[in-house]
Amino acid sequence: MWPVIRWTLWQRRWSIFWWCLGLLGFIFLTLIFYPSIKTQADQLQKTLGNLPSTAIQLFGGTDFFSPIGYLNSQIVYLMLPLLLSVLSIGLGNSLIGREEHEQTIEVLLARPLSRGRLLLAKGLAGIINVLAVTTVGTLATVLLAKAVGLAVPSGNIVAACFACFMLVLTFGGVAFLLSATGRGRAAGLGVAAIFGIGGYIIGSLSGTVHWLKTPGLIFPYHYYRSADILRGQFDWSSILFFAIFVAICGLLSWIAFRARDLA
């Protein structure tokens, strides 16, 4: 199993490198302008305060220009999950799907490796890939936040990024499940993307649109409270929800993959 993990990571080494580089650039360009924005925070806050409450909720709350509000609205609530979701969904869709498309999966299965262990190895390789990029993004955020004077505790930033990592694994898990069923890579990408984007919209608006509260409970984004985490209010129950969701996707992937005829 470990040779498959190492080989998968080696195949994607340049992808990991470019994702890390791109994420570093995004975080740098976002945080480097905070000192100039900080001096106009009150005026900018009054201007944005005139926006509809539903539009404000899509960016993570009402406070955009305090240290926590800026970090949450500009990075942790939307853009970091969005970028990492693209990575996670793409990996979940291609770890098995690309092997089948390129007709190399039979070579892997010819080894003394069960389907379950192959699936586990591919899943772990994908998680390690996303974790590596998230770790680089977390370190960059912590260091640049200190450099530009964002007064947010480093531990809270790390916790928020970890919650983001767990969140995006749920979207990757959906793509991985659909890929394991053999329903088609395009379908896997589409369903996982709709699940993630739809969950973001419903989860963000459920606080102001009352009839969305109940359907919002089934989407992982509903449990992603990044602003609270940045304030030091870390809720482990949300992490447990993400972990259980990913585990269920993994179990269903194993059941579906074992039942398939790959000949």
Protein backbone atom coordinates (compact mmCIF):
# COMPACT_ATOMS: atom_id res chain seq x y z
CA MET A 1 0.00 0.00 0.00
CA TRP A 2 2.78 2.45 0.89
CA PRO A 3 4.50 2.10 -2.51
CA VAL A 4 1.20 3.14 -4.15
CA ILE A 5 0.97 6.18 -1.86
CA ARG A 6 4.57 7.19 -2.58
CA TRP A 7 4.12 6.70 -6.31
CA THR A 8 0.90 8.72 -6.39
CA LEU A 9 2.53 11.57 -4.49
CA TRP A 10 5.56 11.42 -6.78
CA GLN A 11 3.29 11.63 -9.83
CA ARG A 12 1.70 14.76 -8.41
CA ARG A 13 4.82 16.44 -7.03
CA TRP A 14 4.71 19.29 -9.55
CA SER A 15 1.00 19.77 -9.02
CA ILE A 16 1.65 20.09 -5.28
CA PHE A 17 4.46 22.57 -5.94
CA TRP A 18 2.38 24.82 -8.21
CA TRP A 19 -0.62 24.71 -5.89
CA CYS A 20 1.58 25.76 -2.98
CA LEU A 21 3.14 28.54 -5.02
CA GLY A 22 -0.23 29.81 -6.22
CA LEU A 23 -1.70 29.75 -2.71
CA LEU A 24 1.32 31.64 -1.37
CA GLY A 25 0.84 34.30 -4.02
CA PHE A 26 -2.86 34.67 -3.26
CA ILE A 27 -2.32 34.99 0.50
CA PHE A 28 0.53 37.45 0.03
CA LEU A 29 -1.46 39.70 -2.31
CA THR A 30 -4.47 39.60 0.03
CA LEU A 31 -2.70 40.41 3.29
CA ILE A 32 -0.04 42.80 2.05
CA PHE A 33 -2.67 45.54 1.54
CA TYR A 34 -4.13 45.29 5.04
CA PRO A 35 -2.05 48.15 6.56
CA SER A 36 -3.46 50.63 4.01
CA ILE A 37 -7.01 49.30 4.46
CA LYS A 38 -6.69 49.44 8.25
CA THR A 39 -6.37 53.24 8.22
CA GLN A 40 -9.72 53.53 6.39
CA ALA A 41 -11.51 50.72 8.24
CA ASP A 42 -14.29 52.82 9.77
CA GLN A 43 -15.19 54.54 6.52
CA LEU A 44 -15.13 51.31 4.53
CA GLN A 45 -17.21 49.53 7.15
CA LYS A 46 -19.91 52.20 6.96
CA THR A 47 -19.99 51.87 3.17
CA LEU A 48 -20.35 48.10 3.24
CA GLY A 49 -22.88 48.35 6.04
CA ASN A 50 -25.40 49.53 3.45
CA LEU A 51 -25.29 46.22 1.61
CA PRO A 52 -28.20 43.77 2.04
CA SER A 53 -27.74 41.36 4.94
CA THR A 54 -27.94 38.35 2.62
CA ALA A 55 -25.02 39.66 0.55
CA ILE A 56 -23.00 40.34 3.69
CA GLN A 57 -23.56 36.79 4.96
CA LEU A 58 -22.05 35.36 1.78
CA PHE A 59 -18.72 36.83 2.89
CA GLY A 60 -18.84 35.48 6.41
CA GLY A 61 -20.47 38.19 8.51
CA THR A 62 -20.85 41.89 9.09
CA ASP A 63 -17.42 42.88 10.38
CA PHE A 64 -15.08 43.08 7.41
CA PHE A 65 -12.24 45.34 8.52
CA SER A 66 -11.32 44.34 12.04
CA PRO A 67 -8.32 41.96 12.12
CA ILE A 68 -10.56 38.91 12.56
CA GLY A 69 -13.19 40.20 10.12
CA TYR A 70 -10.65 40.95 7.41
CA LEU A 71 -8.86 37.60 7.75
CA ASN A 72 -12.16 35.75 7.79
CA SER A 73 -13.86 37.53 4.89
CA GLN A 74 -10.80 37.74 2.64
CA ILE A 75 -9.20 34.35 3.20
CA VAL A 76 -10.58 31.84 5.66
CA TYR A 77 -14.32 31.87 4.97
CA LEU A 78 -14.49 31.92 1.17
CA MET A 79 -11.32 32.02 -0.90
CA LEU A 80 -9.21 29.46 0.98
CA PRO A 81 -12.05 26.90 1.06
CA LEU A 82 -12.81 27.64 -2.59
CA LEU A 83 -9.24 27.09 -3.76
CA LEU A 84 -8.70 24.00 -1.62
CA SER A 85 -12.09 22.63 -2.72
CA VAL A 86 -10.99 22.82 -6.35
CA LEU A 87 -7.86 20.87 -5.41
CA SER A 88 -9.72 18.34 -3.26
CA ILE A 89 -12.52 17.70 -5.77
CA GLY A 90 -10.04 17.35 -8.61
CA LEU A 91 -8.01 14.84 -6.64
CA GLY A 92 -11.03 12.89 -5.47
CA ASN A 93 -12.24 12.64 -9.04
CA SER A 94 -8.94 11.64 -10.62
CA LEU A 95 -7.18 9.37 -8.12
CA ILE A 96 -9.11 6.36 -9.38
CA GLY A 97 -10.77 7.87 -12.43
CA ARG A 98 -7.53 8.75 -14.20
CA GLU A 99 -6.15 5.25 -13.62
CA GLU A 100 -9.25 3.78 -15.24
CA HIS A 101 -9.22 6.30 -18.10
CA GLU A 102 -5.56 5.57 -18.85
CA GLN A 103 -6.17 1.82 -18.40
CA THR A 104 -3.41 1.49 -15.81
CA ILE A 105 -5.61 0.35 -12.94
CA GLU A 106 -5.29 -3.30 -14.03
CA VAL A 107 -1.53 -3.01 -13.53
CA LEU A 108 -2.08 -1.83 -9.96
CA LEU A 109 -4.61 -4.57 -9.26
CA ALA A 110 -2.20 -7.16 -10.64
CA ARG A 111 -0.02 -6.53 -7.60
CA PRO A 112 -0.67 -8.43 -4.37
CA LEU A 113 -2.95 -5.61 -3.29
CA SER A 114 -6.67 -5.90 -2.62
CA ARG A 115 -9.13 -3.42 -4.03
CA GLY A 116 -9.81 -2.11 -0.55
CA ARG A 117 -6.13 -1.42 0.13
CA LEU A 118 -5.71 0.19 -3.29
CA LEU A 119 -8.65 2.48 -2.59
CA LEU A 120 -7.29 3.30 0.86
CA ALA A 121 -3.84 4.07 -0.56
CA LYS A 122 -5.27 6.39 -3.19
CA GLY A 123 -7.48 8.13 -0.64
CA LEU A 124 -4.59 8.65 1.79
CA ALA A 125 -2.40 10.01 -1.00
CA GLY A 126 -5.11 12.54 -1.84
CA ILE A 127 -5.48 13.57 1.82
CA ILE A 128 -1.70 14.00 2.16
CA ASN A 129 -1.68 16.13 -0.99
CA VAL A 130 -4.42 18.45 0.30
CA LEU A 131 -2.79 18.55 3.74
CA ALA A 132 0.56 19.58 2.26
CA VAL A 133 -0.96 22.52 0.37
CA THR A 134 -3.09 23.51 3.39
CA THR A 135 -0.03 23.45 5.66
CA VAL A 136 1.88 25.78 3.35
CA GLY A 137 -1.13 28.11 3.21
CA THR A 138 -1.49 28.03 6.99
CA LEU A 139 2.15 28.89 7.63
CA ALA A 140 2.00 31.70 5.07
CA THR A 141 -1.14 33.13 6.67
CA VAL A 142 0.32 33.00 10.18
CA LEU A 143 3.61 34.64 9.17
CA LEU A 144 2.08 37.33 6.95
CA ALA A 145 -0.61 38.12 9.51
CA LYS A 146 2.14 38.90 12.00
CA ALA A 147 4.10 40.86 9.41
CA VAL A 148 1.20 43.18 8.51
CA GLY A 149 -0.06 43.61 12.07
CA LEU A 150 -3.20 41.46 12.00
CA ALA A 151 -3.80 40.93 15.71
CA VAL A 152 -5.19 37.41 15.52
CA PRO A 153 -3.64 34.65 17.68
CA SER A 154 -1.59 32.23 15.60
CA GLY A 155 -3.24 29.26 17.27
CA ASN A 156 -6.66 30.46 16.16
CA ILE A 157 -5.46 30.87 12.58
CA VAL A 158 -4.06 27.33 12.60
CA ALA A 159 -7.34 25.99 14.02
CA ALA A 160 -9.39 27.81 11.36
CA CYS A 161 -7.18 26.47 8.57
CA PHE A 162 -7.46 22.97 10.01
CA ALA A 163 -11.26 23.30 10.01
CA CYS A 164 -11.03 24.45 6.38
CA PHE A 165 -8.92 21.39 5.56
CA MET A 166 -11.53 19.08 7.09
CA LEU A 167 -14.30 20.93 5.26
CA VAL A 168 -12.78 20.53 1.80
CA LEU A 169 -12.14 16.84 2.42
CA THR A 170 -15.91 16.36 2.48
CA PHE A 171 -16.17 17.72 -1.06
CA GLY A 172 -13.26 15.58 -2.19
CA GLY A 173 -14.92 12.60 -0.51
CA VAL A 174 -18.06 13.07 -2.61
CA ALA A 175 -15.99 13.22 -5.81
CA PHE A 176 -13.98 10.16 -4.72
CA LEU A 177 -17.18 8.21 -4.03
CA LEU A 178 -18.66 9.00 -7.44
CA SER A 179 -15.37 8.13 -9.12
CA ALA A 180 -15.29 4.76 -7.31
CA THR A 181 -18.78 3.95 -8.60
CA GLY A 182 -17.60 4.46 -12.18
CA ARG A 183 -20.34 6.95 -13.01
CA GLY A 184 -17.99 9.12 -15.02
CA ARG A 185 -15.41 11.75 -14.14
CA ALA A 186 -17.48 14.64 -15.49
CA ALA A 187 -20.46 13.62 -13.35
CA GLY A 188 -18.23 13.35 -10.29
CA LEU A 189 -16.82 16.81 -10.81
CA GLY A 190 -20.22 18.34 -11.43
CA VAL A 191 -22.02 16.77 -8.48
CA ALA A 192 -19.19 17.52 -6.03
CA ALA A 193 -18.94 21.12 -7.24
CA ILE A 194 -22.70 21.66 -6.96
CA PHE A 195 -22.66 20.08 -3.51
CA GLY A 196 -19.88 22.42 -2.39
CA ILE A 197 -21.18 25.63 -3.98
CA GLY A 198 -24.78 24.90 -3.04
CA GLY A 199 -23.73 24.14 0.51
CA TYR A 200 -21.81 27.41 0.71
CA ILE A 201 -24.79 29.46 -0.46
CA ILE A 202 -27.34 27.65 1.72
CA GLY A 203 -25.04 27.54 4.75
CA SER A 204 -24.20 31.23 4.46
CA LEU A 205 -27.80 32.36 4.03
CA SER A 206 -29.38 30.05 6.60
CA GLY A 207 -28.75 32.62 9.32
CA THR A 208 -30.93 35.23 7.60
CA VAL A 209 -33.28 33.13 5.44
CA HIS A 210 -35.21 31.06 7.96
CA TRP A 211 -36.58 28.42 5.60
CA LEU A 212 -33.00 27.44 4.68
CA LYS A 213 -32.07 26.44 8.23
CA THR A 214 -33.36 22.88 7.99
CA PRO A 215 -31.94 21.98 4.54
CA GLY A 216 -28.70 23.68 5.55
CA LEU A 217 -28.10 21.04 8.20
CA ILE A 218 -27.18 18.42 5.60
CA PHE A 219 -24.40 20.50 4.02
CA PRO A 220 -20.91 20.58 5.55
CA TYR A 221 -20.59 24.35 5.06
CA HIS A 222 -23.32 24.86 7.67
CA TYR A 223 -20.88 23.59 10.32
CA TYR A 224 -17.95 25.69 9.17
CA ARG A 225 -17.79 28.60 11.65
CA SER A 226 -14.48 30.17 10.72
CA ALA A 227 -15.13 33.55 12.37
CA ASP A 228 -15.90 31.88 15.69
CA ILE A 229 -12.73 29.82 15.45
CA LEU A 230 -10.64 32.93 14.78
CA ARG A 231 -12.17 34.39 17.96
CA GLY A 232 -11.01 31.33 19.89
CA GLN A 233 -14.36 29.52 19.99
CA PHE A 234 -13.33 26.20 18.47
CA ASP A 235 -16.18 23.67 18.23
CA TRP A 236 -14.89 20.11 17.91
CA SER A 237 -18.35 18.82 17.04
CA SER A 238 -18.06 20.38 13.58
CA ILE A 239 -14.73 18.62 13.01
CA LEU A 240 -16.37 15.38 14.11
CA PHE A 241 -19.13 15.94 11.56
CA PHE A 242 -16.57 16.44 8.78
CA ALA A 243 -14.61 13.35 9.83
CA ILE A 244 -17.74 11.16 9.96
CA PHE A 245 -18.86 12.48 6.57
CA VAL A 246 -15.50 11.63 4.99
CA ALA A 247 -15.48 8.19 6.64
CA ILE A 248 -18.95 7.43 5.26
CA CYS A 249 -17.85 8.48 1.78
CA GLY A 250 -14.82 6.21 2.13
CA LEU A 251 -16.94 3.25 3.24
CA LEU A 252 -19.43 3.71 0.41
CA SER A 253 -16.53 4.05 -2.05
CA TRP A 254 -15.11 0.72 -0.84
CA ILE A 255 -18.47 -1.02 -1.20
CA ALA A 256 -19.03 0.37 -4.69
CA PHE A 257 -15.48 -0.28 -5.91
CA ARG A 258 -15.47 -3.90 -4.71
CA ALA A 259 -18.71 -4.62 -6.56
CA ARG A 260 -17.52 -3.30 -9.91
CA ASP A 261 -16.27 -5.28 -12.89
CA LEU A 262 -13.10 -3.56 -14.02
CA ALA A 263 -12.19 -6.07 -16.69
